[in-house]
Amino acid sequence: MVTILKLHFKDSLGKDRYIKIAKPKKGLDKETVQKAMQLMVSAHLMQSEGADMLAIPLGAKYVTTTEESVYSED
């Protein structure tokens, strides 16, 4: 199983934006994640054509998927 932390933001144009974090620390609480997301917004980490790609933090969730190989040359 593979677990990621999926962060959900709105950009300054109102579009949904997501950041997926591989191998996240497990058991993060709401306050810790909110603070980290707000720091990302405040730092203006991602911009495109003058628009902030991360303008409003909306939420975060752990997403766990199971992979089942059907065919591989490895």
PDB file of N, CA and C in Angstrom:
ATOM      1  N   MET A   1       0.831  -1.183   0.000  1.00  0.00           N
ATOM      2  CA  MET A   1       0.000   0.000   0.000  1.00  0.00           C
ATOM      3  C   MET A   1       0.876   1.247   0.000  1.00  0.00           C
ATOM      4  N   VAL A   2       0.406   2.244  -0.688  1.00  0.00           N
ATOM      5  CA  VAL A   2       1.110   3.514  -0.790  1.00  0.00           C
ATOM      6  C   VAL A   2       0.220   4.598  -0.196  1.00  0.00           C
ATOM      7  N   THR A   3       0.783   5.406   0.706  1.00  0.00           N
ATOM      8  CA  THR A   3       0.036   6.493   1.324  1.00  0.00           C
ATOM      9  C   THR A   3       0.672   7.823   0.955  1.00  0.00           C
ATOM     10  N   ILE A   4      -0.172   8.773   0.559  1.00  0.00           N
ATOM     11  CA  ILE A   4       0.275  10.138   0.300  1.00  0.00           C
ATOM     12  C   ILE A   4      -0.561  11.091   1.151  1.00  0.00           C
ATOM     13  N   LEU A   5      -0.074  12.300   1.323  1.00  0.00           N
ATOM     14  CA  LEU A   5      -0.853  13.366   1.949  1.00  0.00           C
ATOM     15  C   LEU A   5      -1.219  14.333   0.832  1.00  0.00           C
ATOM     16  N   LYS A   6      -2.508  14.510   0.610  1.00  0.00           N
ATOM     17  CA  LYS A   6      -3.002  15.351  -0.480  1.00  0.00           C
ATOM     18  C   LYS A   6      -3.500  16.669   0.101  1.00  0.00           C
ATOM     19  N   LEU A   7      -2.821  17.770  -0.263  1.00  0.00           N
ATOM     20  CA  LEU A   7      -3.171  19.102   0.219  1.00  0.00           C
ATOM     21  C   LEU A   7      -4.019  19.803  -0.836  1.00  0.00           C
ATOM     22  N   HIS A   8      -5.117  20.403  -0.402  1.00  0.00           N
ATOM     23  CA  HIS A   8      -6.064  21.044  -1.317  1.00  0.00           C
ATOM     24  C   HIS A   8      -6.049  22.553  -1.076  1.00  0.00           C
ATOM     25  N   PHE A   9      -5.844  23.312  -2.151  1.00  0.00           N
ATOM     26  CA  PHE A   9      -5.817  24.771  -2.108  1.00  0.00           C
ATOM     27  C   PHE A   9      -6.710  25.329  -3.209  1.00  0.00           C
ATOM     28  N   LYS A  10      -7.088  26.600  -3.074  1.00  0.00           N
ATOM     29  CA  LYS A  10      -7.641  27.384  -4.177  1.00  0.00           C
ATOM     30  C   LYS A  10      -6.535  28.329  -4.604  1.00  0.00           C
ATOM     31  N   ASP A  11      -6.409  28.549  -5.917  1.00  0.00           N
ATOM     32  CA  ASP A  11      -5.436  29.532  -6.366  1.00  0.00           C
ATOM     33  C   ASP A  11      -6.096  30.910  -6.395  1.00  0.00           C
ATOM     34  N   SER A  12      -5.330  31.940  -6.731  1.00  0.00           N
ATOM     35  CA  SER A  12      -5.866  33.300  -6.700  1.00  0.00           C
ATOM     36  C   SER A  12      -6.884  33.558  -7.812  1.00  0.00           C
ATOM     37  N   LEU A  13      -7.038  32.610  -8.728  1.00  0.00           N
ATOM     38  CA  LEU A  13      -8.048  32.712  -9.780  1.00  0.00           C
ATOM     39  C   LEU A  13      -9.280  31.870  -9.470  1.00  0.00           C
ATOM     40  N   GLY A  14      -9.283  31.209  -8.305  1.00  0.00           N
ATOM     41  CA  GLY A  14     -10.436  30.417  -7.887  1.00  0.00           C
ATOM     42  C   GLY A  14     -10.418  28.961  -8.310  1.00  0.00           C
ATOM     43  N   LYS A  15      -9.316  28.501  -8.901  1.00  0.00           N
ATOM     44  CA  LYS A  15      -9.225  27.102  -9.340  1.00  0.00           C
ATOM     45  C   LYS A  15      -8.690  26.221  -8.215  1.00  0.00           C
ATOM     46  N   ASP A  16      -9.132  24.968  -8.204  1.00  0.00           N
ATOM     47  CA  ASP A  16      -8.622  23.998  -7.237  1.00  0.00           C
ATOM     48  C   ASP A  16      -7.210  23.587  -7.620  1.00  0.00           C
ATOM     49  N   ARG A  17      -6.348  23.500  -6.623  1.00  0.00           N
ATOM     50  CA  ARG A  17      -4.963  23.058  -6.807  1.00  0.00           C
ATOM     51  C   ARG A  17      -4.640  22.035  -5.727  1.00  0.00           C
ATOM     52  N   TYR A  18      -3.825  21.055  -6.067  1.00  0.00           N
ATOM     53  CA  TYR A  18      -3.470  19.997  -5.129  1.00  0.00           C
ATOM     54  C   TYR A  18      -1.965  19.791  -5.116  1.00  0.00           C
ATOM     55  N   ILE A  19      -1.448  19.490  -3.948  1.00  0.00           N
ATOM     56  CA  ILE A  19      -0.064  19.067  -3.798  1.00  0.00           C
ATOM     57  C   ILE A  19      -0.113  17.702  -3.138  1.00  0.00           C
ATOM     58  N   LYS A  20       0.606  16.749  -3.707  1.00  0.00           N
ATOM     59  CA  LYS A  20       0.667  15.400  -3.149  1.00  0.00           C
ATOM     60  C   LYS A  20       2.045  15.185  -2.546  1.00  0.00           C
ATOM     61  N   ILE A  21       2.068  14.796  -1.276  1.00  0.00           N
ATOM     62  CA  ILE A  21       3.318  14.562  -0.569  1.00  0.00           C
ATOM     63  C   ILE A  21       3.507  13.065  -0.391  1.00  0.00           C
ATOM     64  N   ALA A  22       4.583  12.549  -0.971  1.00  0.00           N
ATOM     65  CA  ALA A  22       4.902  11.127  -0.861  1.00  0.00           C
ATOM     66  C   ALA A  22       5.518  10.841   0.503  1.00  0.00           C
ATOM     67  N   LYS A  23       5.231   9.697   1.036  1.00  0.00           N
ATOM     68  CA  LYS A  23       5.780   9.235   2.314  1.00  0.00           C
ATOM     69  C   LYS A  23       5.616  10.262   3.436  1.00  0.00           C
ATOM     70  N   PRO A  24       4.382  10.718   3.664  1.00  0.00           N
ATOM     71  CA  PRO A  24       4.176  11.718   4.710  1.00  0.00           C
ATOM     72  C   PRO A  24       4.297  11.109   6.103  1.00  0.00           C
ATOM     73  N   LYS A  25       4.582  11.949   7.068  1.00  0.00           N
ATOM     74  CA  LYS A  25       4.565  11.520   8.464  1.00  0.00           C
ATOM     75  C   LYS A  25       3.123  11.158   8.799  1.00  0.00           C
ATOM     76  N   LYS A  26       2.942  10.043   9.458  1.00  0.00           N
ATOM     77  CA  LYS A  26       1.587   9.605   9.805  1.00  0.00           C
ATOM     78  C   LYS A  26       1.126  10.268  11.097  1.00  0.00           C
ATOM     79  N   GLY A  27      -0.168  10.434  11.233  1.00  0.00           N
ATOM     80  CA  GLY A  27      -0.750  10.945  12.461  1.00  0.00           C
ATOM     81  C   GLY A  27      -0.663  12.448  12.648  1.00  0.00           C
ATOM     82  N   LEU A  28      -0.459  13.193  11.561  1.00  0.00           N
ATOM     83  CA  LEU A  28      -0.417  14.651  11.684  1.00  0.00           C
ATOM     84  C   LEU A  28      -1.787  15.165  12.113  1.00  0.00           C
ATOM     85  N   ASP A  29      -1.795  16.151  13.010  1.00  0.00           N
ATOM     86  CA  ASP A  29      -3.084  16.689  13.453  1.00  0.00           C
ATOM     87  C   ASP A  29      -3.481  17.907  12.615  1.00  0.00           C
ATOM     88  N   LYS A  30      -4.722  18.307  12.772  1.00  0.00           N
ATOM     89  CA  LYS A  30      -5.301  19.402  11.993  1.00  0.00           C
ATOM     90  C   LYS A  30      -4.485  20.686  12.122  1.00  0.00           C
ATOM     91  N   GLU A  31      -4.121  21.047  13.343  1.00  0.00           N
ATOM     92  CA  GLU A  31      -3.408  22.299  13.581  1.00  0.00           C
ATOM     93  C   GLU A  31      -2.047  22.320  12.885  1.00  0.00           C
ATOM     94  N   THR A  32      -1.331  21.211  12.936  1.00  0.00           N
ATOM     95  CA  THR A  32      -0.010  21.119  12.309  1.00  0.00           C
ATOM     96  C   THR A  32      -0.114  21.287  10.802  1.00  0.00           C
ATOM     97  N   VAL A  33      -1.073  20.606  10.199  1.00  0.00           N
ATOM     98  CA  VAL A  33      -1.238  20.677   8.747  1.00  0.00           C
ATOM     99  C   VAL A  33      -1.724  22.065   8.332  1.00  0.00           C
ATOM    100  N   GLN A  34      -2.678  22.630   9.077  1.00  0.00           N
ATOM    101  CA  GLN A  34      -3.168  23.975   8.757  1.00  0.00           C
ATOM    102  C   GLN A  34      -2.031  24.991   8.805  1.00  0.00           C
ATOM    103  N   LYS A  35      -1.202  24.908   9.829  1.00  0.00           N
ATOM    104  CA  LYS A  35      -0.085  25.837   9.981  1.00  0.00           C
ATOM    105  C   LYS A  35       0.895  25.696   8.814  1.00  0.00           C
ATOM    106  N   ALA A  36       1.223  24.466   8.442  1.00  0.00           N
ATOM    107  CA  ALA A  36       2.143  24.229   7.329  1.00  0.00           C
ATOM    108  C   ALA A  36       1.568  24.759   6.014  1.00  0.00           C
ATOM    109  N   MET A  37       0.286  24.519   5.792  1.00  0.00           N
ATOM    110  CA  MET A  37      -0.343  24.990   4.562  1.00  0.00           C
ATOM    111  C   MET A  37      -0.379  26.515   4.516  1.00  0.00           C
ATOM    112  N   GLN A  38      -0.654  27.143   5.659  1.00  0.00           N
ATOM    113  CA  GLN A  38      -0.683  28.605   5.704  1.00  0.00           C
ATOM    114  C   GLN A  38       0.707  29.189   5.456  1.00  0.00           C
ATOM    115  N   LEU A  39       1.742  28.516   5.964  1.00  0.00           N
ATOM    116  CA  LEU A  39       3.116  28.957   5.692  1.00  0.00           C
ATOM    117  C   LEU A  39       3.431  28.880   4.199  1.00  0.00           C
ATOM    118  N   MET A  40       2.936  27.839   3.544  1.00  0.00           N
ATOM    119  CA  MET A  40       3.142  27.698   2.103  1.00  0.00           C
ATOM    120  C   MET A  40       2.463  28.844   1.351  1.00  0.00           C
ATOM    121  N   VAL A  41       1.255  29.191   1.776  1.00  0.00           N
ATOM    122  CA  VAL A  41       0.526  30.298   1.151  1.00  0.00           C
ATOM    123  C   VAL A  41       1.274  31.611   1.385  1.00  0.00           C
ATOM    124  N   SER A  42       1.678  31.859   2.621  1.00  0.00           N
ATOM    125  CA  SER A  42       2.355  33.110   2.982  1.00  0.00           C
ATOM    126  C   SER A  42       3.686  33.287   2.261  1.00  0.00           C
ATOM    127  N   ALA A  43       4.357  32.180   1.960  1.00  0.00           N
ATOM    128  CA  ALA A  43       5.658  32.229   1.292  1.00  0.00           C
ATOM    129  C   ALA A  43       5.540  32.419  -0.225  1.00  0.00           C
ATOM    130  N   HIS A  44       4.316  32.377  -0.749  1.00  0.00           N
ATOM    131  CA  HIS A  44       4.095  32.509  -2.199  1.00  0.00           C
ATOM    132  C   HIS A  44       5.014  31.554  -2.963  1.00  0.00           C
ATOM    133  N   LEU A  45       4.993  30.284  -2.555  1.00  0.00           N
ATOM    134  CA  LEU A  45       5.901  29.289  -3.118  1.00  0.00           C
ATOM    135  C   LEU A  45       5.703  29.023  -4.598  1.00  0.00           C
ATOM    136  N   MET A  46       4.472  29.080  -5.042  1.00  0.00           N
ATOM    137  CA  MET A  46       4.199  28.709  -6.434  1.00  0.00           C
ATOM    138  C   MET A  46       3.382  29.809  -7.104  1.00  0.00           C
ATOM    139  N   GLN A  47       3.930  30.334  -8.189  1.00  0.00           N
ATOM    140  CA  GLN A  47       3.231  31.362  -8.952  1.00  0.00           C
ATOM    141  C   GLN A  47       3.309  31.034 -10.437  1.00  0.00           C
ATOM    142  N   SER A  48       2.287  31.449 -11.157  1.00  0.00           N
ATOM    143  CA  SER A  48       2.261  31.262 -12.603  1.00  0.00           C
ATOM    144  C   SER A  48       1.596  32.482 -13.224  1.00  0.00           C
ATOM    145  N   GLU A  49       2.318  33.153 -14.086  1.00  0.00           N
ATOM    146  CA  GLU A  49       1.796  34.332 -14.780  1.00  0.00           C
ATOM    147  C   GLU A  49       1.197  35.341 -13.805  1.00  0.00           C
ATOM    148  N   GLY A  50       1.878  35.563 -12.692  1.00  0.00           N
ATOM    149  CA  GLY A  50       1.447  36.550 -11.710  1.00  0.00           C
ATOM    150  C   GLY A  50       0.367  36.091 -10.752  1.00  0.00           C
ATOM    151  N   ALA A  51      -0.136  34.884 -10.918  1.00  0.00           N
ATOM    152  CA  ALA A  51      -1.184  34.365 -10.033  1.00  0.00           C
ATOM    153  C   ALA A  51      -0.571  33.425  -9.001  1.00  0.00           C
ATOM    154  N   ASP A  52      -1.026  33.535  -7.760  1.00  0.00           N
ATOM    155  CA  ASP A  52      -0.588  32.610  -6.712  1.00  0.00           C
ATOM    156  C   ASP A  52      -1.289  31.274  -6.911  1.00  0.00           C
ATOM    157  N   MET A  53      -0.509  30.215  -7.065  1.00  0.00           N
ATOM    158  CA  MET A  53      -1.082  28.885  -7.254  1.00  0.00           C
ATOM    159  C   MET A  53      -1.633  28.334  -5.941  1.00  0.00           C
ATOM    160  N   LEU A  54      -1.117  28.831  -4.826  1.00  0.00           N
ATOM    161  CA  LEU A  54      -1.580  28.423  -3.503  1.00  0.00           C
ATOM    162  C   LEU A  54      -2.051  29.674  -2.774  1.00  0.00           C
ATOM    163  N   ALA A  55      -3.340  29.977  -2.846  1.00  0.00           N
ATOM    164  CA  ALA A  55      -3.858  31.203  -2.243  1.00  0.00           C
ATOM    165  C   ALA A  55      -4.667  30.943  -0.978  1.00  0.00           C
ATOM    166  N   ILE A  56      -5.476  29.889  -0.990  1.00  0.00           N
ATOM    167  CA  ILE A  56      -6.350  29.597   0.150  1.00  0.00           C
ATOM    168  C   ILE A  56      -6.249  28.113   0.480  1.00  0.00           C
ATOM    169  N   PRO A  57      -5.790  27.765   1.700  1.00  0.00           N
ATOM    170  CA  PRO A  57      -5.765  26.350   2.087  1.00  0.00           C
ATOM    171  C   PRO A  57      -7.185  25.869   2.391  1.00  0.00           C
ATOM    172  N   LEU A  58      -7.571  24.742   1.806  1.00  0.00           N
ATOM    173  CA  LEU A  58      -8.930  24.224   1.985  1.00  0.00           C
ATOM    174  C   LEU A  58      -9.002  22.927   2.777  1.00  0.00           C
ATOM    175  N   GLY A  59      -7.963  22.117   2.738  1.00  0.00           N
ATOM    176  CA  GLY A  59      -8.024  20.857   3.462  1.00  0.00           C
ATOM    177  C   GLY A  59      -6.881  19.933   3.093  1.00  0.00           C
ATOM    178  N   ALA A  60      -6.820  18.841   3.816  1.00  0.00           N
ATOM    179  CA  ALA A  60      -5.785  17.835   3.572  1.00  0.00           C
ATOM    180  C   ALA A  60      -6.329  16.474   3.967  1.00  0.00           C
ATOM    181  N   LYS A  61      -5.858  15.448   3.265  1.00  0.00           N
ATOM    182  CA  LYS A  61      -6.273  14.097   3.623  1.00  0.00           C
ATOM    183  C   LYS A  61      -5.196  13.104   3.232  1.00  0.00           C
ATOM    184  N   TYR A  62      -5.143  12.043   4.006  1.00  0.00           N
ATOM    185  CA  TYR A  62      -4.284  10.920   3.654  1.00  0.00           C
ATOM    186  C   TYR A  62      -5.025  10.095   2.611  1.00  0.00           C
ATOM    187  N   VAL A  63      -4.315   9.678   1.568  1.00  0.00           N
ATOM    188  CA  VAL A  63      -4.890   8.819   0.538  1.00  0.00           C
ATOM    189  C   VAL A  63      -4.011   7.580   0.443  1.00  0.00           C
ATOM    190  N   THR A  64      -4.627   6.415   0.643  1.00  0.00           N
ATOM    191  CA  THR A  64      -3.900   5.151   0.583  1.00  0.00           C
ATOM    192  C   THR A  64      -4.413   4.346  -0.601  1.00  0.00           C
ATOM    193  N   THR A  65      -3.482   3.894  -1.434  1.00  0.00           N
ATOM    194  CA  THR A  65      -3.850   3.085  -2.590  1.00  0.00           C
ATOM    195  C   THR A  65      -3.103   1.760  -2.545  1.00  0.00           C
ATOM    196  N   THR A  66      -3.696   0.779  -3.154  1.00  0.00           N
ATOM    197  CA  THR A  66      -3.078  -0.534  -3.262  1.00  0.00           C
ATOM    198  C   THR A  66      -2.726  -0.763  -4.724  1.00  0.00           C
ATOM    199  N   GLU A  67      -1.496  -1.166  -4.971  1.00  0.00           N
ATOM    200  CA  GLU A  67      -1.065  -1.453  -6.332  1.00  0.00           C
ATOM    201  C   GLU A  67      -0.981  -2.957  -6.533  1.00  0.00           C
ATOM    202  N   GLU A  68      -1.463  -3.397  -7.683  1.00  0.00           N
ATOM    203  CA  GLU A  68      -1.401  -4.810  -8.034  1.00  0.00           C
ATOM    204  C   GLU A  68      -0.838  -4.914  -9.444  1.00  0.00           C
ATOM    205  N   SER A  69       0.357  -5.416  -9.558  1.00  0.00           N
ATOM    206  CA  SER A  69       1.010  -5.523 -10.855  1.00  0.00           C
ATOM    207  C   SER A  69       0.331  -6.595 -11.702  1.00  0.00           C
ATOM    208  N   VAL A  70       0.047  -6.246 -12.929  1.00  0.00           N
ATOM    209  CA  VAL A  70      -0.537  -7.185 -13.874  1.00  0.00           C
ATOM    210  C   VAL A  70       0.546  -7.720 -14.804  1.00  0.00           C
ATOM    211  N   TYR A  71       1.484  -6.848 -15.164  1.00  0.00           N
ATOM    212  CA  TYR A  71       2.543  -7.238 -16.080  1.00  0.00           C
ATOM    213  C   TYR A  71       3.742  -6.331 -15.853  1.00  0.00           C
ATOM    214  N   SER A  72       4.946  -6.903 -15.888  1.00  0.00           N
ATOM    215  CA  SER A  72       6.163  -6.115 -15.726  1.00  0.00           C
ATOM    216  C   SER A  72       7.332  -6.829 -16.383  1.00  0.00           C
ATOM    217  N   GLU A  73       8.172  -6.089 -17.093  1.00  0.00           N
ATOM    218  CA  GLU A  73       9.371  -6.632 -17.725  1.00  0.00           C
ATOM    219  C   GLU A  73      10.538  -6.662 -16.746  1.00  0.00           C
ATOM    220  N   ASP A  74      10.368  -6.088 -15.580  1.00  0.00           N
ATOM    221  CA  ASP A  74      11.455  -5.994 -14.590  1.00  0.00           C
ATOM    222  C   ASP A  74      11.849  -7.346 -14.075  1.00  0.00           C
TER     223      ASP A  74
END
